[in-house]
Amino acid sequence: MEFLLHAAQLVSALCFGGYGMGCLVSAGMRREFERYGLPRLRVLTGVLQLAGSAGLAAGFWWPALGMLSALGLSGMMVVATGVRIRIGDPWSGRIQALGCLVLNAFIAAVHAVALF
């Protein structure tokens, strides 16, 4: 189970690090946030995702921080799924957010079991 946890943490940290950086510098992400109707939340989203990514990476040494980061990212993905439903994206547009939600919920749950 430890290998699966570490693999999930690494994948999530890399994905959220890349997405968070994209939120800050990509013109394409600027257009996406305008499409979502949330252009003012783009930078905040990017910063929070970079912080979550860093927390997942630190979670290899401090599991409680990994758990909290995964919980925060899971919450962001609940909101992201809701936004995609609200704007009428097809299921193919919702799958990524749902997958990240499940992945981070798994990370948080495994850490929680180990910690408590």
N, C-alpha and C. Protein backbone atom coordinates (compact mmCIF):
# COMPACT_ATOMS: atom_id res chain seq x y z
N MET A 1 0.82 -1.20 0.00
CA MET A 1 0.00 0.00 0.00
C MET A 1 0.86 1.26 0.00
N GLU A 2 2.03 1.17 0.63
CA GLU A 2 2.91 2.34 0.70
C GLU A 2 3.37 2.76 -0.69
N PHE A 3 3.69 1.78 -1.55
CA PHE A 3 4.11 2.11 -2.91
C PHE A 3 2.99 2.83 -3.66
N LEU A 4 1.76 2.33 -3.52
CA LEU A 4 0.62 2.93 -4.19
C LEU A 4 0.38 4.36 -3.69
N LEU A 5 0.49 4.55 -2.39
CA LEU A 5 0.35 5.89 -1.82
C LEU A 5 1.41 6.83 -2.38
N HIS A 6 2.66 6.39 -2.38
CA HIS A 6 3.74 7.25 -2.87
C HIS A 6 3.58 7.56 -4.36
N ALA A 7 3.16 6.56 -5.13
CA ALA A 7 2.94 6.79 -6.56
C ALA A 7 1.81 7.80 -6.77
N ALA A 8 0.73 7.65 -6.03
CA ALA A 8 -0.40 8.57 -6.15
C ALA A 8 0.01 9.98 -5.75
N GLN A 9 0.78 10.08 -4.67
CA GLN A 9 1.24 11.40 -4.21
C GLN A 9 2.13 12.06 -5.24
N LEU A 10 3.02 11.29 -5.84
CA LEU A 10 3.93 11.85 -6.84
C LEU A 10 3.16 12.32 -8.07
N VAL A 11 2.25 11.49 -8.56
CA VAL A 11 1.46 11.86 -9.73
C VAL A 11 0.65 13.13 -9.45
N SER A 12 -0.01 13.16 -8.31
CA SER A 12 -0.84 14.32 -7.97
C SER A 12 0.02 15.57 -7.80
N ALA A 13 1.14 15.45 -7.11
CA ALA A 13 2.01 16.62 -6.91
C ALA A 13 2.50 17.17 -8.25
N LEU A 14 2.88 16.30 -9.15
CA LEU A 14 3.36 16.75 -10.47
C LEU A 14 2.23 17.39 -11.28
N CYS A 15 1.06 16.76 -11.27
CA CYS A 15 -0.07 17.30 -12.04
C CYS A 15 -0.52 18.65 -11.51
N PHE A 16 -0.67 18.75 -10.19
CA PHE A 16 -1.13 20.01 -9.63
C PHE A 16 -0.05 21.09 -9.72
N GLY A 17 1.21 20.69 -9.65
CA GLY A 17 2.28 21.66 -9.84
C GLY A 17 2.24 22.24 -11.24
N GLY A 18 2.07 21.38 -12.23
CA GLY A 18 1.99 21.84 -13.62
C GLY A 18 0.76 22.68 -13.88
N TYR A 19 -0.39 22.24 -13.37
CA TYR A 19 -1.63 22.98 -13.58
C TYR A 19 -1.57 24.32 -12.86
N GLY A 20 -1.04 24.31 -11.64
CA GLY A 20 -0.92 25.56 -10.89
C GLY A 20 -0.02 26.56 -11.59
N MET A 21 1.09 26.08 -12.13
CA MET A 21 2.00 26.97 -12.86
C MET A 21 1.31 27.49 -14.12
N GLY A 22 0.57 26.60 -14.78
CA GLY A 22 -0.17 27.02 -15.97
C GLY A 22 -1.18 28.12 -15.66
N CYS A 23 -1.82 28.02 -14.52
CA CYS A 23 -2.78 29.06 -14.11
C CYS A 23 -2.11 30.42 -14.02
N LEU A 24 -0.86 30.43 -13.64
CA LEU A 24 -0.15 31.69 -13.44
C LEU A 24 0.42 32.28 -14.72
N VAL A 25 0.78 31.43 -15.68
CA VAL A 25 1.52 31.95 -16.83
C VAL A 25 0.89 31.67 -18.20
N SER A 26 -0.09 30.81 -18.29
CA SER A 26 -0.60 30.39 -19.59
C SER A 26 -1.78 31.24 -20.07
N ALA A 27 -1.67 31.70 -21.31
CA ALA A 27 -2.79 32.43 -21.92
C ALA A 27 -3.99 31.51 -22.10
N GLY A 28 -3.74 30.24 -22.37
CA GLY A 28 -4.82 29.28 -22.51
C GLY A 28 -5.61 29.12 -21.22
N MET A 29 -4.91 29.12 -20.09
CA MET A 29 -5.60 29.02 -18.80
C MET A 29 -6.38 30.30 -18.50
N ARG A 30 -5.85 31.41 -18.96
CA ARG A 30 -6.58 32.67 -18.79
C ARG A 30 -7.93 32.58 -19.52
N ARG A 31 -7.91 32.03 -20.74
CA ARG A 31 -9.16 31.87 -21.50
C ARG A 31 -10.09 30.87 -20.83
N GLU A 32 -9.54 29.79 -20.27
CA GLU A 32 -10.36 28.79 -19.59
C GLU A 32 -11.08 29.39 -18.39
N PHE A 33 -10.39 30.18 -17.60
CA PHE A 33 -11.03 30.78 -16.43
C PHE A 33 -12.08 31.82 -16.84
N GLU A 34 -11.88 32.47 -17.98
CA GLU A 34 -12.92 33.35 -18.50
C GLU A 34 -14.13 32.52 -18.91
N ARG A 35 -13.90 31.37 -19.53
CA ARG A 35 -15.00 30.48 -19.93
C ARG A 35 -15.76 29.97 -18.70
N TYR A 36 -15.03 29.72 -17.61
CA TYR A 36 -15.67 29.27 -16.38
C TYR A 36 -16.47 30.40 -15.71
N GLY A 37 -16.21 31.65 -16.12
CA GLY A 37 -16.83 32.79 -15.47
C GLY A 37 -16.13 33.17 -14.18
N LEU A 38 -14.86 32.77 -14.06
CA LEU A 38 -14.10 33.01 -12.82
C LEU A 38 -12.72 33.60 -13.08
N PRO A 39 -12.61 34.62 -13.93
CA PRO A 39 -11.26 35.10 -14.26
C PRO A 39 -10.48 35.63 -13.07
N ARG A 40 -11.18 36.17 -12.07
CA ARG A 40 -10.48 36.73 -10.91
C ARG A 40 -9.92 35.67 -9.97
N LEU A 41 -10.34 34.42 -10.14
CA LEU A 41 -9.86 33.34 -9.26
C LEU A 41 -8.69 32.55 -9.86
N ARG A 42 -8.26 32.92 -11.06
CA ARG A 42 -7.19 32.16 -11.74
C ARG A 42 -5.89 32.17 -10.94
N VAL A 43 -5.43 33.33 -10.53
CA VAL A 43 -4.15 33.41 -9.81
C VAL A 43 -4.26 32.71 -8.46
N LEU A 44 -5.34 32.95 -7.73
CA LEU A 44 -5.54 32.29 -6.44
C LEU A 44 -5.55 30.77 -6.62
N THR A 45 -6.24 30.31 -7.64
CA THR A 45 -6.28 28.86 -7.91
C THR A 45 -4.88 28.33 -8.18
N GLY A 46 -4.13 29.04 -8.98
CA GLY A 46 -2.76 28.61 -9.28
C GLY A 46 -1.88 28.55 -8.04
N VAL A 47 -1.97 29.56 -7.21
CA VAL A 47 -1.16 29.60 -5.98
C VAL A 47 -1.57 28.47 -5.04
N LEU A 48 -2.88 28.25 -4.88
CA LEU A 48 -3.35 27.17 -4.01
C LEU A 48 -2.94 25.79 -4.54
N GLN A 49 -2.97 25.64 -5.85
CA GLN A 49 -2.56 24.35 -6.40
C GLN A 49 -1.06 24.13 -6.27
N LEU A 50 -0.28 25.18 -6.42
CA LEU A 50 1.16 25.04 -6.19
C LEU A 50 1.45 24.73 -4.72
N ALA A 51 0.72 25.37 -3.82
CA ALA A 51 0.89 25.09 -2.39
C ALA A 51 0.48 23.65 -2.08
N GLY A 52 -0.61 23.19 -2.66
CA GLY A 52 -1.04 21.81 -2.46
C GLY A 52 -0.03 20.83 -3.01
N SER A 53 0.54 21.14 -4.15
CA SER A 53 1.57 20.29 -4.75
C SER A 53 2.80 20.21 -3.84
N ALA A 54 3.21 21.35 -3.32
CA ALA A 54 4.36 21.37 -2.41
C ALA A 54 4.05 20.59 -1.13
N GLY A 55 2.82 20.74 -0.65
CA GLY A 55 2.41 20.00 0.55
C GLY A 55 2.40 18.50 0.33
N LEU A 56 1.96 18.07 -0.86
CA LEU A 56 2.01 16.63 -1.18
C LEU A 56 3.45 16.14 -1.22
N ALA A 57 4.34 16.94 -1.81
CA ALA A 57 5.75 16.55 -1.86
C ALA A 57 6.33 16.48 -0.45
N ALA A 58 6.03 17.46 0.38
CA ALA A 58 6.51 17.44 1.76
C ALA A 58 5.89 16.29 2.54
N GLY A 59 4.73 15.84 2.10
CA GLY A 59 4.04 14.74 2.75
C GLY A 59 4.80 13.43 2.75
N PHE A 60 5.80 13.31 1.90
CA PHE A 60 6.65 12.12 1.94
C PHE A 60 7.40 12.05 3.26
N TRP A 61 7.70 13.22 3.83
CA TRP A 61 8.42 13.28 5.11
C TRP A 61 7.51 13.61 6.28
N TRP A 62 6.47 14.38 6.02
CA TRP A 62 5.50 14.78 7.04
C TRP A 62 4.10 14.36 6.59
N PRO A 63 3.71 13.13 6.90
CA PRO A 63 2.43 12.59 6.40
C PRO A 63 1.21 13.45 6.75
N ALA A 64 1.21 14.10 7.89
CA ALA A 64 0.06 14.94 8.24
C ALA A 64 -0.10 16.08 7.24
N LEU A 65 1.00 16.65 6.79
CA LEU A 65 0.95 17.72 5.79
C LEU A 65 0.46 17.16 4.45
N GLY A 66 0.91 15.96 4.10
CA GLY A 66 0.41 15.32 2.88
C GLY A 66 -1.08 15.10 2.93
N MET A 67 -1.57 14.66 4.09
CA MET A 67 -3.01 14.42 4.25
C MET A 67 -3.79 15.73 4.11
N LEU A 68 -3.34 16.78 4.80
CA LEU A 68 -4.04 18.07 4.73
C LEU A 68 -4.02 18.65 3.31
N SER A 69 -2.90 18.50 2.63
CA SER A 69 -2.79 19.00 1.26
C SER A 69 -3.74 18.23 0.34
N ALA A 70 -3.78 16.92 0.50
CA ALA A 70 -4.69 16.11 -0.32
C ALA A 70 -6.14 16.45 -0.04
N LEU A 71 -6.48 16.73 1.22
CA LEU A 71 -7.85 17.15 1.55
C LEU A 71 -8.19 18.49 0.88
N GLY A 72 -7.25 19.41 0.94
CA GLY A 72 -7.48 20.72 0.30
C GLY A 72 -7.65 20.60 -1.21
N LEU A 73 -6.81 19.79 -1.83
CA LEU A 73 -6.92 19.60 -3.28
C LEU A 73 -8.21 18.86 -3.63
N SER A 74 -8.63 17.94 -2.78
CA SER A 74 -9.91 17.25 -3.00
C SER A 74 -11.06 18.26 -2.98
N GLY A 75 -11.01 19.17 -2.02
CA GLY A 75 -12.03 20.21 -1.95
C GLY A 75 -12.05 21.08 -3.19
N MET A 76 -10.86 21.42 -3.68
CA MET A 76 -10.79 22.21 -4.91
C MET A 76 -11.41 21.45 -6.08
N MET A 77 -11.23 20.14 -6.11
CA MET A 77 -11.76 19.35 -7.21
C MET A 77 -13.27 19.16 -7.11
N VAL A 78 -13.82 19.21 -5.90
CA VAL A 78 -15.28 19.22 -5.75
C VAL A 78 -15.82 20.50 -6.39
N VAL A 79 -15.18 21.62 -6.09
CA VAL A 79 -15.60 22.90 -6.66
C VAL A 79 -15.40 22.88 -8.18
N ALA A 80 -14.27 22.37 -8.66
CA ALA A 80 -14.00 22.33 -10.10
C ALA A 80 -15.04 21.49 -10.83
N THR A 81 -15.43 20.37 -10.23
CA THR A 81 -16.47 19.54 -10.84
C THR A 81 -17.79 20.30 -10.90
N GLY A 82 -18.11 20.99 -9.83
CA GLY A 82 -19.33 21.79 -9.80
C GLY A 82 -19.33 22.89 -10.86
N VAL A 83 -18.19 23.54 -11.03
CA VAL A 83 -18.08 24.59 -12.05
C VAL A 83 -18.31 24.00 -13.43
N ARG A 84 -17.70 22.85 -13.68
CA ARG A 84 -17.85 22.23 -15.01
C ARG A 84 -19.29 21.80 -15.26
N ILE A 85 -19.97 21.36 -14.23
CA ILE A 85 -21.39 21.02 -14.38
C ILE A 85 -22.20 22.29 -14.64
N ARG A 86 -21.90 23.36 -13.88
CA ARG A 86 -22.63 24.63 -14.01
C ARG A 86 -22.50 25.22 -15.42
N ILE A 87 -21.32 25.11 -16.02
CA ILE A 87 -21.13 25.71 -17.35
C ILE A 87 -21.55 24.76 -18.47
N GLY A 88 -21.97 23.56 -18.10
CA GLY A 88 -22.48 22.62 -19.10
C GLY A 88 -21.43 21.85 -19.86
N ASP A 89 -20.25 21.69 -19.30
CA ASP A 89 -19.23 20.87 -19.95
C ASP A 89 -19.72 19.43 -20.08
N PRO A 90 -19.36 18.75 -21.16
CA PRO A 90 -19.72 17.33 -21.28
C PRO A 90 -18.92 16.51 -20.26
N TRP A 91 -19.31 15.25 -20.11
CA TRP A 91 -18.62 14.38 -19.14
C TRP A 91 -17.12 14.32 -19.40
N SER A 92 -16.73 14.38 -20.66
CA SER A 92 -15.29 14.32 -20.96
C SER A 92 -14.54 15.49 -20.33
N GLY A 93 -15.22 16.62 -20.12
CA GLY A 93 -14.60 17.76 -19.47
C GLY A 93 -14.57 17.66 -17.96
N ARG A 94 -15.39 16.77 -17.42
CA ARG A 94 -15.48 16.61 -15.96
C ARG A 94 -14.58 15.49 -15.43
N ILE A 95 -14.18 14.60 -16.31
CA ILE A 95 -13.44 13.40 -15.89
C ILE A 95 -12.14 13.75 -15.18
N GLN A 96 -11.42 14.74 -15.68
CA GLN A 96 -10.13 15.10 -15.07
C GLN A 96 -10.33 15.56 -13.63
N ALA A 97 -11.29 16.43 -13.41
CA ALA A 97 -11.53 16.92 -12.05
C ALA A 97 -11.99 15.78 -11.14
N LEU A 98 -12.86 14.93 -11.64
CA LEU A 98 -13.33 13.79 -10.85
C LEU A 98 -12.19 12.82 -10.53
N GLY A 99 -11.34 12.58 -11.52
CA GLY A 99 -10.19 11.69 -11.30
C GLY A 99 -9.24 12.25 -10.25
N CYS A 100 -8.98 13.55 -10.31
CA CYS A 100 -8.11 14.18 -9.31
C CYS A 100 -8.76 14.17 -7.94
N LEU A 101 -10.08 14.31 -7.90
CA LEU A 101 -10.80 14.23 -6.63
C LEU A 101 -10.62 12.85 -6.01
N VAL A 102 -10.83 11.81 -6.78
CA VAL A 102 -10.69 10.44 -6.28
C VAL A 102 -9.25 10.17 -5.85
N LEU A 103 -8.29 10.60 -6.67
CA LEU A 103 -6.88 10.37 -6.36
C LEU A 103 -6.50 11.03 -5.03
N ASN A 104 -6.89 12.28 -4.84
CA ASN A 104 -6.52 12.98 -3.61
C ASN A 104 -7.31 12.51 -2.40
N ALA A 105 -8.55 12.08 -2.61
CA ALA A 105 -9.31 11.49 -1.51
C ALA A 105 -8.64 10.20 -1.05
N PHE A 106 -8.13 9.42 -2.00
CA PHE A 106 -7.39 8.20 -1.66
C PHE A 106 -6.14 8.54 -0.84
N ILE A 107 -5.38 9.52 -1.29
CA ILE A 107 -4.16 9.93 -0.58
C ILE A 107 -4.50 10.36 0.85
N ALA A 108 -5.52 11.20 0.98
CA ALA A 108 -5.92 11.68 2.31
C ALA A 108 -6.37 10.53 3.20
N ALA A 109 -7.14 9.61 2.65
CA ALA A 109 -7.66 8.49 3.43
C ALA A 109 -6.55 7.57 3.91
N VAL A 110 -5.62 7.25 3.04
CA VAL A 110 -4.51 6.35 3.44
C VAL A 110 -3.65 7.02 4.51
N HIS A 111 -3.37 8.30 4.34
CA HIS A 111 -2.61 9.01 5.38
C HIS A 111 -3.38 9.02 6.71
N ALA A 112 -4.69 9.28 6.62
CA ALA A 112 -5.50 9.34 7.84
C ALA A 112 -5.49 8.02 8.57
N VAL A 113 -5.62 6.93 7.85
CA VAL A 113 -5.58 5.60 8.48
C VAL A 113 -4.24 5.37 9.17
N ALA A 114 -3.16 5.77 8.50
CA ALA A 114 -1.82 5.57 9.07
C ALA A 114 -1.58 6.48 10.29
N LEU A 115 -2.16 7.69 10.26
CA LEU A 115 -1.90 8.65 11.34
C LEU A 115 -2.79 8.43 12.56
N PHE A 116 -3.99 7.94 12.33
CA PHE A 116 -4.94 7.83 13.44
C PHE A 116 -5.20 6.39 13.66
